[in-house]
Amino acid sequence: MSARTPSWPERISIIGAAGLVGSSAAASLATQGIGRELYLQDRRDNLVEAHRIDLSDAQAVLGVDRPRILAGSPEQHADLVVVAASLPETPDGDRREFLAANAHLLASLAEQIRREAGDEGLVLLLTNPVDILADWLHREHGFTAERLIGYALNDSARFRLAIARELGTEVTSVTASVLGEHGKGQVPVFSTVRVNGEPVAWPDGAVDRVRADVDGWFERWSRLKPGRSSGWASGTGVMHLVRSLAAGQQVITTVSTSGIEGLPETFMALPTHLEDGRPRATLPELSDHELSALHEAGQSIRHTASTLG
């Protein structure tokens, strides 16, 4: 598998395809023609079959011939196994219980994931908290670090939106990224923000307002009590992530920090590209404060993962 082979990934499997995030990812991949075969799996067989029929119709509307959408496990190893299985997260619930429940769920799926990925396939984890669970899957269940990545684009999207609101510009003109941990340990990288390719001269108080906007996203979402996660953003983001990696482009991904000097050995959101078919993270040039925050986030991820056992 090559980072620049347009046919990668040919065979994609989605575990947890009946839920909002899994079905949204399936829809984005199917309607954008990514892959040759797309396998949908979930304990709710009726929903999987309904999604398969519906997405096949959507492809016909758009005139998209591939991927072929199938219900069930692939008979051959998949190039990419997308793990979207998750317990529902309640806004007022205990996040420690949510973490433990999702770890238990992933433990029950570990052999299936390993079997479908085989020796060469990549595993893309969507189950939250993605960085902690990626670390735990690697250390406790033996998943190879260089074949395990996680979805981490939504935080950067929210950062870009907050900047656009603050500066009164279009979000498409903003280049910005959030690294580190998904959630409280996120590190918005203000030092590399660009608008129309130019560095930003921040007005007084703007950085604090943007940071508060980003940090307050989950609380604002929870107050809505929508009974769902941000599935459309995640589904679209999965398509963008896969397309970027297939094209040899760099994209923010939860990835192993192994070999990166100055960071704890764990998993966190970093700029990533495929090199000889394996994810390779890059530590960008950061301010001393940002680097310190990233190191602290890594320690937090590693410590929490170690408590799962």
Protein backbone atom coordinates (compact mmCIF):
# COMPACT_ATOMS: atom_id res chain seq x y z
CA MET A 1 0.00 0.00 0.00
CA SER A 2 1.43 3.36 -1.00
CA ALA A 3 0.52 6.78 0.38
CA ARG A 4 0.03 7.99 -3.16
CA THR A 5 -1.80 5.04 -4.63
CA PRO A 6 -5.17 6.48 -5.73
CA SER A 7 -6.89 3.10 -5.30
CA TRP A 8 -6.22 3.03 -1.53
CA PRO A 9 -8.30 2.11 0.34
CA GLU A 10 -10.07 -0.37 -1.93
CA ARG A 11 -11.85 -2.34 0.79
CA ILE A 12 -13.34 -0.44 3.77
CA SER A 13 -15.17 -1.96 6.72
CA ILE A 14 -17.27 0.10 9.15
CA ILE A 15 -18.01 -1.49 12.52
CA GLY A 16 -20.91 0.31 14.17
CA ALA A 17 -22.46 1.41 10.88
CA ALA A 18 -26.04 1.62 12.17
CA GLY A 19 -25.38 4.57 14.51
CA LEU A 20 -25.30 8.24 13.59
CA VAL A 21 -21.52 8.57 13.28
CA GLY A 22 -21.02 5.24 11.50
CA SER A 23 -23.87 5.76 9.06
CA SER A 24 -22.77 9.35 8.39
CA ALA A 25 -19.26 8.12 7.59
CA ALA A 26 -20.71 5.43 5.33
CA ALA A 27 -22.82 8.00 3.50
CA SER A 28 -19.88 10.33 2.92
CA LEU A 29 -17.58 7.57 1.69
CA ALA A 30 -20.26 5.98 -0.51
CA THR A 31 -21.51 9.14 -2.19
CA GLN A 32 -17.97 10.43 -2.79
CA GLY A 33 -16.93 7.19 -4.47
CA ILE A 34 -14.15 6.29 -2.07
CA GLY A 35 -13.09 2.65 -2.18
CA ARG A 36 -14.17 -0.35 -4.23
CA GLU A 37 -16.12 -2.20 -1.52
CA LEU A 38 -17.75 -0.74 1.59
CA TYR A 39 -18.87 -3.20 4.28
CA LEU A 40 -21.44 -2.10 6.87
CA GLN A 41 -21.64 -3.96 10.18
CA ASP A 42 -23.62 -3.53 13.36
CA ARG A 43 -25.57 -5.62 15.84
CA ARG A 44 -28.72 -4.03 14.42
CA ASP A 45 -28.88 -6.00 11.19
CA ASN A 46 -32.14 -4.41 10.06
CA LEU A 47 -30.67 -0.89 10.16
CA VAL A 48 -27.53 -2.03 8.36
CA GLU A 49 -29.62 -3.46 5.53
CA ALA A 50 -31.80 -0.34 5.43
CA HIS A 51 -28.69 1.86 5.21
CA ARG A 52 -27.26 -0.35 2.46
CA ILE A 53 -30.42 0.02 0.36
CA ASP A 54 -30.70 3.75 1.01
CA LEU A 55 -27.06 4.49 0.21
CA SER A 56 -27.19 2.41 -2.96
CA ASP A 57 -30.17 4.54 -4.04
CA ALA A 58 -28.21 7.70 -3.18
CA GLN A 59 -25.32 6.52 -5.36
CA ALA A 60 -27.75 5.93 -8.22
CA VAL A 61 -29.11 9.48 -7.83
CA LEU A 62 -25.57 10.86 -8.07
CA GLY A 63 -24.39 8.46 -10.76
CA VAL A 64 -21.71 6.95 -8.51
CA ASP A 65 -20.74 3.35 -9.37
CA ARG A 66 -18.42 2.56 -6.47
CA PRO A 67 -17.86 1.57 -3.79
CA ARG A 68 -20.15 -1.43 -3.86
CA ILE A 69 -22.04 -1.41 -0.54
CA LEU A 70 -22.40 -4.70 1.29
CA ALA A 71 -23.82 -5.75 4.65
CA GLY A 72 -21.61 -7.93 6.85
CA SER A 73 -17.93 -8.66 7.36
CA PRO A 74 -15.46 -8.71 4.47
CA GLU A 75 -14.24 -12.17 3.48
CA GLN A 76 -10.81 -10.71 2.75
CA HIS A 77 -8.82 -8.33 4.91
CA ALA A 78 -9.85 -4.69 4.70
CA ASP A 79 -7.45 -1.90 3.81
CA LEU A 80 -9.21 0.30 6.36
CA VAL A 81 -11.34 -0.74 9.35
CA VAL A 82 -13.39 2.18 10.68
CA VAL A 83 -14.52 1.59 14.28
CA ALA A 84 -17.57 3.75 15.04
CA ALA A 85 -19.09 1.56 17.76
CA SER A 86 -19.95 3.53 20.90
CA LEU A 87 -22.27 3.71 23.87
CA PRO A 88 -24.48 6.84 23.90
CA GLU A 89 -22.96 9.74 25.82
CA THR A 90 -25.44 11.66 27.98
CA PRO A 91 -24.70 15.36 28.61
CA ASP A 92 -25.10 15.02 32.37
CA GLY A 93 -23.47 11.61 32.62
CA ASP A 94 -20.21 10.62 34.26
CA ARG A 95 -17.47 10.73 31.59
CA ARG A 96 -15.44 8.16 33.56
CA GLU A 97 -18.32 5.71 33.26
CA PHE A 98 -18.63 6.56 29.56
CA LEU A 99 -14.92 5.84 29.06
CA ALA A 100 -15.10 2.55 30.94
CA ALA A 101 -18.21 1.47 29.01
CA ASN A 102 -16.63 2.22 25.62
CA ALA A 103 -13.44 0.40 26.66
CA HIS A 104 -15.55 -2.63 27.55
CA LEU A 105 -17.31 -2.40 24.18
CA LEU A 106 -14.03 -2.17 22.25
CA ALA A 107 -12.63 -5.11 24.21
CA SER A 108 -15.56 -7.19 22.95
CA LEU A 109 -14.77 -6.13 19.37
CA ALA A 110 -10.97 -6.36 19.53
CA GLU A 111 -10.65 -9.76 17.85
CA GLN A 112 -13.10 -8.81 15.10
CA ILE A 113 -11.18 -5.60 14.40
CA ARG A 114 -7.87 -7.48 14.37
CA ARG A 115 -9.25 -10.19 12.06
CA GLU A 116 -10.67 -7.74 9.55
CA ALA A 117 -7.55 -5.54 9.45
CA GLY A 118 -5.20 -8.50 9.08
CA ASP A 119 -1.49 -7.75 8.94
CA GLU A 120 -1.63 -4.70 6.69
CA GLY A 121 -4.91 -2.83 7.17
CA LEU A 122 -5.19 0.44 9.06
CA VAL A 123 -7.63 0.84 11.94
CA LEU A 124 -9.40 4.22 12.18
CA LEU A 125 -10.93 4.67 15.63
CA LEU A 126 -13.91 7.02 16.02
CA THR A 127 -15.00 5.84 19.48
CA ASN A 128 -14.48 8.54 22.12
CA PRO A 129 -12.40 9.50 23.97
CA VAL A 130 -10.41 8.54 20.93
CA ASP A 131 -6.86 9.30 22.11
CA ILE A 132 -7.21 7.51 25.46
CA LEU A 133 -8.84 4.47 23.85
CA ALA A 134 -6.20 4.32 21.10
CA ASP A 135 -3.46 4.26 23.74
CA TRP A 136 -5.35 1.57 25.67
CA LEU A 137 -6.00 -0.60 22.59
CA HIS A 138 -2.31 -0.45 21.73
CA ARG A 139 -0.99 -1.27 25.21
CA GLU A 140 -3.65 -3.62 26.55
CA HIS A 141 -4.82 -5.38 23.39
CA GLY A 142 -1.64 -5.39 21.33
CA PHE A 143 -2.75 -3.28 18.38
CA THR A 144 0.28 -2.16 16.41
CA ALA A 145 0.84 1.55 17.01
CA GLU A 146 1.73 2.25 13.39
CA ARG A 147 -1.53 0.74 12.12
CA LEU A 148 -3.84 2.53 14.57
CA ILE A 149 -5.11 6.08 14.04
CA GLY A 150 -8.09 8.08 15.30
CA TYR A 151 -10.43 10.80 14.12
CA ALA A 152 -9.55 14.27 15.45
CA LEU A 153 -10.69 16.89 12.93
CA ASN A 154 -13.74 18.37 14.65
CA ASP A 155 -11.74 20.33 17.23
CA SER A 156 -9.77 22.07 14.49
CA ALA A 157 -12.97 22.83 12.57
CA ARG A 158 -14.50 24.45 15.67
CA PHE A 159 -11.31 26.45 16.21
CA ARG A 160 -11.44 27.77 12.64
CA LEU A 161 -15.12 28.69 13.06
CA ALA A 162 -14.38 30.54 16.32
CA ILE A 163 -11.59 32.50 14.64
CA ALA A 164 -13.80 33.38 11.67
CA ARG A 165 -16.55 34.65 14.00
CA GLU A 166 -14.08 36.71 16.03
CA LEU A 167 -12.35 38.28 13.03
CA GLY A 168 -15.46 38.66 10.88
CA THR A 169 -14.13 36.59 8.00
CA GLU A 170 -15.10 33.43 6.11
CA VAL A 171 -14.08 30.13 7.67
CA THR A 172 -12.64 29.06 4.30
CA SER A 173 -10.02 31.80 4.63
CA VAL A 174 -8.79 30.48 8.00
CA THR A 175 -5.99 27.95 8.41
CA ALA A 176 -5.70 26.70 12.00
CA SER A 177 -5.38 23.48 13.94
CA VAL A 178 -5.98 21.98 17.37
CA LEU A 179 -3.49 19.38 18.58
CA GLY A 180 -3.22 17.20 21.67
CA GLU A 181 -6.15 15.67 23.49
CA HIS A 182 -9.77 15.65 22.39
CA GLY A 183 -11.61 17.60 25.08
CA LYS A 184 -10.10 19.47 28.01
CA GLY A 185 -6.51 18.78 26.94
CA GLN A 186 -6.92 20.27 23.48
CA VAL A 187 -4.20 22.69 22.37
CA PRO A 188 -5.37 25.38 19.94
CA VAL A 189 -2.24 26.42 18.05
CA PHE A 190 -2.59 30.19 17.83
CA SER A 191 1.04 30.67 16.75
CA THR A 192 0.40 29.19 13.28
CA VAL A 193 -3.06 30.65 12.55
CA ARG A 194 -3.30 32.19 9.10
CA VAL A 195 -6.09 34.15 7.41
CA ASN A 196 -5.79 34.24 3.62
CA GLY A 197 -2.29 32.89 4.13
CA GLU A 198 -1.17 35.76 6.35
CA PRO A 199 -0.32 35.78 10.08
CA VAL A 200 -2.98 37.33 12.31
CA ALA A 201 -2.58 40.55 14.29
CA TRP A 202 -4.90 39.68 17.17
CA PRO A 203 -7.03 42.52 18.58
CA ASP A 204 -7.01 42.96 22.36
CA GLY A 205 -8.82 40.12 24.06
CA ALA A 206 -9.40 38.20 20.82
CA VAL A 207 -7.25 35.21 21.74
CA ASP A 208 -9.05 34.80 25.07
CA ARG A 209 -12.45 35.07 23.40
CA VAL A 210 -11.55 32.48 20.77
CA ARG A 211 -10.16 30.14 23.41
CA ALA A 212 -13.33 30.50 25.49
CA ASP A 213 -15.44 29.83 22.39
CA VAL A 214 -13.53 26.62 21.65
CA ASP A 215 -13.42 25.44 25.26
CA GLY A 216 -17.14 26.07 25.69
CA TRP A 217 -18.29 24.04 22.70
CA PHE A 218 -19.22 20.86 24.57
CA GLU A 219 -21.13 22.72 27.26
CA ARG A 220 -23.15 24.63 24.65
CA TRP A 221 -23.89 21.41 22.78
CA SER A 222 -24.88 19.60 25.97
CA ARG A 223 -27.35 22.33 26.93
CA LEU A 224 -29.28 21.53 23.75
CA LYS A 225 -29.81 17.96 24.98
CA PRO A 226 -29.97 16.75 21.36
CA GLY A 227 -29.64 13.08 22.26
CA ARG A 228 -27.00 12.66 19.58
CA SER A 229 -23.36 13.39 18.85
CA SER A 230 -22.02 15.62 16.10
CA GLY A 231 -22.43 12.86 13.55
CA TRP A 232 -22.57 14.81 10.31
CA ALA A 233 -19.31 16.66 11.00
CA SER A 234 -17.61 13.41 11.98
CA GLY A 235 -18.92 11.50 8.97
CA THR A 236 -17.83 14.21 6.55
CA GLY A 237 -14.53 14.48 8.38
CA VAL A 238 -13.84 10.76 7.99
CA MET A 239 -14.25 11.11 4.23
CA HIS A 240 -11.90 14.13 4.21
CA LEU A 241 -9.37 12.31 6.38
CA VAL A 242 -9.31 9.20 4.18
CA ARG A 243 -9.15 11.22 0.97
CA SER A 244 -6.29 13.35 2.33
CA LEU A 245 -4.25 10.36 3.48
CA ALA A 246 -4.83 8.56 0.17
CA ALA A 247 -3.54 11.62 -1.69
CA GLY A 248 -0.37 11.78 0.43
CA GLN A 249 -1.51 14.99 2.10
CA GLN A 250 -1.01 15.98 5.72
CA VAL A 251 -4.08 16.01 7.94
CA ILE A 252 -4.73 16.24 11.69
CA THR A 253 -5.11 12.69 13.03
CA THR A 254 -4.89 10.97 16.40
CA VAL A 255 -1.66 9.06 15.98
CA SER A 256 1.16 7.45 17.93
CA THR A 257 3.79 9.86 19.25
CA SER A 258 6.44 7.14 19.27
CA GLY A 259 9.74 8.54 18.06
CA ILE A 260 8.73 12.19 18.47
CA GLU A 261 11.24 13.87 20.76
CA GLY A 262 9.80 15.90 23.61
CA LEU A 263 6.40 14.18 23.80
CA PRO A 264 5.23 11.32 26.05
CA GLU A 265 4.74 8.05 24.20
CA THR A 266 0.98 7.88 23.71
CA PHE A 267 -1.61 8.87 21.07
CA MET A 268 -2.68 12.44 20.35
CA ALA A 269 -3.84 14.71 17.53
CA LEU A 270 -0.92 15.75 15.32
CA PRO A 271 -0.33 16.53 11.63
CA THR A 272 -0.08 13.13 9.94
CA HIS A 273 0.62 11.69 6.51
CA LEU A 274 1.05 8.20 5.11
CA GLU A 275 4.57 7.03 4.41
CA ASP A 276 4.93 3.57 2.85
CA GLY A 277 1.35 2.96 3.89
CA ARG A 278 1.91 3.81 7.56
CA PRO A 279 0.90 6.96 9.44
CA ARG A 280 3.75 9.30 10.30
CA ALA A 281 3.22 12.22 12.67
CA THR A 282 5.04 15.54 12.50
CA LEU A 283 5.54 17.94 15.39
CA PRO A 284 5.14 21.44 13.96
CA GLU A 285 7.05 24.46 15.20
CA LEU A 286 5.24 25.60 18.33
CA SER A 287 5.61 28.26 20.98
CA ASP A 288 7.09 27.18 24.31
CA HIS A 289 3.64 27.48 25.90
CA GLU A 290 2.00 25.34 23.21
CA LEU A 291 4.71 22.68 23.44
CA SER A 292 4.35 22.55 27.22
CA ALA A 293 0.56 22.21 26.90
CA LEU A 294 1.00 19.41 24.36
CA HIS A 295 3.35 17.56 26.69
CA GLU A 296 0.87 17.95 29.55
CA ALA A 297 -1.94 16.64 27.34
CA GLY A 298 0.14 13.60 26.46
CA GLN A 299 0.78 12.84 30.11
CA SER A 300 -2.93 13.14 30.86
CA ILE A 301 -3.87 10.78 28.01
CA ARG A 302 -1.28 8.22 29.05
CA HIS A 303 -2.27 8.35 32.73
CA THR A 304 -6.00 7.98 32.05
CA ALA A 305 -5.40 5.09 29.64
CA SER A 306 -3.33 3.31 32.29
CA THR A 307 -6.26 3.41 34.74
CA LEU A 308 -8.46 1.32 32.44
CA GLY A 309 -6.51 -1.89 33.00
